[in-house]
Amino acid sequence: MLAKMRHVYPNLPRKDITMADLKASFDKAVADSKKLPEKPDNATLLQLYALFKQADGDVDGKRPGFTDMVGRAKWDAWNAIKGKDAESAMQEYVDLIESLK
């Protein structure tokens, strides 16, 4: 696929082609996540959530209060990977979904 994209867009920098390919893989992994053979455990679900959100950037806003346990767990998982670049987050998400198939 990468070779095809270079042929169609010969002047496109290599990084942009790679990012487009990664984005396509990420989008497919998001779709595949809804069709997994069995539901992952809560720790894995939190990891998937954090990686998915980190693909858009670092966590922002205040940490949810102690009465919102689910929101707080999600915020904590996302905050734990703060600073990870979007490309790494997307690739880790894709790899994790592939390992769950």
C-alpha atoms as a PDB file:
ATOM      1  CA  MET A   1       0.000   0.000   0.000  1.00  0.00           C
ATOM      2  CA  LEU A   2       2.828   2.383   0.845  1.00  0.00           C
ATOM      3  CA  ALA A   3       4.413   1.826  -2.563  1.00  0.00           C
ATOM      4  CA  LYS A   4       1.082   2.588  -4.250  1.00  0.00           C
ATOM      5  CA  MET A   5       0.735   5.820  -2.304  1.00  0.00           C
ATOM      6  CA  ARG A   6       4.263   6.912  -3.305  1.00  0.00           C
ATOM      7  CA  HIS A   7       3.354   6.242  -6.926  1.00  0.00           C
ATOM      8  CA  VAL A   8       0.134   8.292  -6.715  1.00  0.00           C
ATOM      9  CA  TYR A   9       1.729  11.069  -4.599  1.00  0.00           C
ATOM     10  CA  PRO A  10       5.395  11.108  -5.629  1.00  0.00           C
ATOM     11  CA  ASN A  11       6.108  14.516  -4.020  1.00  0.00           C
ATOM     12  CA  LEU A  12       4.530  13.651  -0.681  1.00  0.00           C
ATOM     13  CA  PRO A  13       7.133  13.406   2.089  1.00  0.00           C
ATOM     14  CA  ARG A  14       7.745   9.914   3.468  1.00  0.00           C
ATOM     15  CA  LYS A  15       6.548  10.890   6.972  1.00  0.00           C
ATOM     16  CA  ASP A  16       3.169  12.043   5.597  1.00  0.00           C
ATOM     17  CA  ILE A  17       2.686   8.798   3.700  1.00  0.00           C
ATOM     18  CA  THR A  18       3.545   6.804   6.806  1.00  0.00           C
ATOM     19  CA  MET A  19       1.161   8.882   8.938  1.00  0.00           C
ATOM     20  CA  ALA A  20      -1.655   8.394   6.413  1.00  0.00           C
ATOM     21  CA  ASP A  21      -1.028   4.658   6.437  1.00  0.00           C
ATOM     22  CA  LEU A  22      -0.943   4.617  10.256  1.00  0.00           C
ATOM     23  CA  LYS A  23      -4.186   6.616  10.415  1.00  0.00           C
ATOM     24  CA  ALA A  24      -5.861   4.088   8.120  1.00  0.00           C
ATOM     25  CA  SER A  25      -4.614   1.213  10.296  1.00  0.00           C
ATOM     26  CA  PHE A  26      -5.801   3.034  13.416  1.00  0.00           C
ATOM     27  CA  ASP A  27      -9.268   3.638  11.947  1.00  0.00           C
ATOM     28  CA  LYS A  28      -9.501  -0.050  11.005  1.00  0.00           C
ATOM     29  CA  ALA A  29      -8.421  -1.076  14.523  1.00  0.00           C
ATOM     30  CA  VAL A  30     -11.127   1.166  16.018  1.00  0.00           C
ATOM     31  CA  ALA A  31     -13.706  -0.590  13.834  1.00  0.00           C
ATOM     32  CA  ASP A  32     -12.216  -4.006  14.701  1.00  0.00           C
ATOM     33  CA  SER A  33     -12.405  -3.192  18.424  1.00  0.00           C
ATOM     34  CA  LYS A  34     -16.182  -3.437  18.187  1.00  0.00           C
ATOM     35  CA  LYS A  35     -15.935  -6.965  16.723  1.00  0.00           C
ATOM     36  CA  LEU A  36     -13.521  -8.660  19.120  1.00  0.00           C
ATOM     37  CA  PRO A  37     -14.276 -12.329  19.872  1.00  0.00           C
ATOM     38  CA  GLU A  38     -14.595 -11.578  23.603  1.00  0.00           C
ATOM     39  CA  LYS A  39     -14.722  -8.488  25.762  1.00  0.00           C
ATOM     40  CA  PRO A  40     -11.295  -7.504  27.160  1.00  0.00           C
ATOM     41  CA  ASP A  41     -10.778  -7.168  30.907  1.00  0.00           C
ATOM     42  CA  ASN A  42     -11.188  -3.748  32.547  1.00  0.00           C
ATOM     43  CA  ALA A  43      -7.448  -3.005  32.640  1.00  0.00           C
ATOM     44  CA  THR A  44      -7.177  -3.631  28.904  1.00  0.00           C
ATOM     45  CA  LEU A  45     -10.288  -1.545  28.219  1.00  0.00           C
ATOM     46  CA  LEU A  46      -8.744   1.338  30.162  1.00  0.00           C
ATOM     47  CA  GLN A  47      -5.522   0.971  28.198  1.00  0.00           C
ATOM     48  CA  LEU A  48      -7.451   1.027  24.913  1.00  0.00           C
ATOM     49  CA  TYR A  49      -9.384   4.090  26.057  1.00  0.00           C
ATOM     50  CA  ALA A  50      -6.216   5.941  27.055  1.00  0.00           C
ATOM     51  CA  LEU A  51      -4.430   5.156  23.783  1.00  0.00           C
ATOM     52  CA  PHE A  52      -7.474   6.147  21.732  1.00  0.00           C
ATOM     53  CA  LYS A  53      -7.782   9.473  23.549  1.00  0.00           C
ATOM     54  CA  GLN A  54      -4.023  10.135  23.487  1.00  0.00           C
ATOM     55  CA  ALA A  55      -4.122   9.894  19.693  1.00  0.00           C
ATOM     56  CA  ASP A  56      -5.896  13.285  19.885  1.00  0.00           C
ATOM     57  CA  GLY A  57      -3.545  14.732  22.510  1.00  0.00           C
ATOM     58  CA  ASP A  58      -2.854  15.003  26.214  1.00  0.00           C
ATOM     59  CA  VAL A  59      -5.570  14.843  28.841  1.00  0.00           C
ATOM     60  CA  ASP A  60      -6.990  18.195  29.874  1.00  0.00           C
ATOM     61  CA  GLY A  61      -9.473  19.387  32.428  1.00  0.00           C
ATOM     62  CA  LYS A  62      -9.809  18.472  36.044  1.00  0.00           C
ATOM     63  CA  ARG A  63      -9.741  14.950  37.399  1.00  0.00           C
ATOM     64  CA  PRO A  64     -13.301  13.734  38.094  1.00  0.00           C
ATOM     65  CA  GLY A  65     -14.376  13.568  41.714  1.00  0.00           C
ATOM     66  CA  PHE A  66     -14.345  10.420  43.834  1.00  0.00           C
ATOM     67  CA  THR A  67     -18.064   9.817  43.216  1.00  0.00           C
ATOM     68  CA  ASP A  68     -17.397   9.313  39.476  1.00  0.00           C
ATOM     69  CA  MET A  69     -15.301   6.162  39.737  1.00  0.00           C
ATOM     70  CA  VAL A  70     -15.503   5.244  36.043  1.00  0.00           C
ATOM     71  CA  GLY A  71     -14.655   8.744  34.857  1.00  0.00           C
ATOM     72  CA  ARG A  72     -11.829   8.937  37.340  1.00  0.00           C
ATOM     73  CA  ALA A  73     -10.366   5.585  36.204  1.00  0.00           C
ATOM     74  CA  LYS A  74     -10.518   6.694  32.569  1.00  0.00           C
ATOM     75  CA  TRP A  75      -8.918  10.060  33.369  1.00  0.00           C
ATOM     76  CA  ASP A  76      -6.168   8.373  35.386  1.00  0.00           C
ATOM     77  CA  ALA A  77      -5.415   5.904  32.568  1.00  0.00           C
ATOM     78  CA  TRP A  78      -5.220   8.705  30.010  1.00  0.00           C
ATOM     79  CA  ASN A  79      -3.151  10.914  32.307  1.00  0.00           C
ATOM     80  CA  ALA A  80      -0.693   8.044  32.877  1.00  0.00           C
ATOM     81  CA  ILE A  81       0.429   8.257  29.236  1.00  0.00           C
ATOM     82  CA  LYS A  82       0.488  12.050  29.057  1.00  0.00           C
ATOM     83  CA  GLY A  83       3.235  13.239  26.719  1.00  0.00           C
ATOM     84  CA  LYS A  84       3.125  10.183  24.422  1.00  0.00           C
ATOM     85  CA  ASP A  85       3.048  11.339  20.801  1.00  0.00           C
ATOM     86  CA  ALA A  86      -0.027  10.621  18.676  1.00  0.00           C
ATOM     87  CA  GLU A  87       1.801   8.261  16.317  1.00  0.00           C
ATOM     88  CA  SER A  88       3.023   6.053  19.170  1.00  0.00           C
ATOM     89  CA  ALA A  89      -0.431   6.000  20.759  1.00  0.00           C
ATOM     90  CA  MET A  90      -2.066   4.995  17.469  1.00  0.00           C
ATOM     91  CA  GLN A  91       0.505   2.271  16.787  1.00  0.00           C
ATOM     92  CA  GLU A  92       0.153   0.847  20.318  1.00  0.00           C
ATOM     93  CA  TYR A  93      -3.640   0.854  19.926  1.00  0.00           C
ATOM     94  CA  VAL A  94      -3.376  -1.019  16.614  1.00  0.00           C
ATOM     95  CA  ASP A  95      -0.935  -3.536  18.116  1.00  0.00           C
ATOM     96  CA  LEU A  96      -3.137  -4.118  21.155  1.00  0.00           C
ATOM     97  CA  ILE A  97      -6.260  -4.694  19.064  1.00  0.00           C
ATOM     98  CA  GLU A  98      -4.311  -7.117  16.846  1.00  0.00           C
ATOM     99  CA  SER A  99      -3.209  -9.061  19.935  1.00  0.00           C
ATOM    100  CA  LEU A 100      -6.843  -9.340  21.099  1.00  0.00           C
ATOM    101  CA  LYS A 101      -8.152 -10.821  17.842  1.00  0.00           C
END
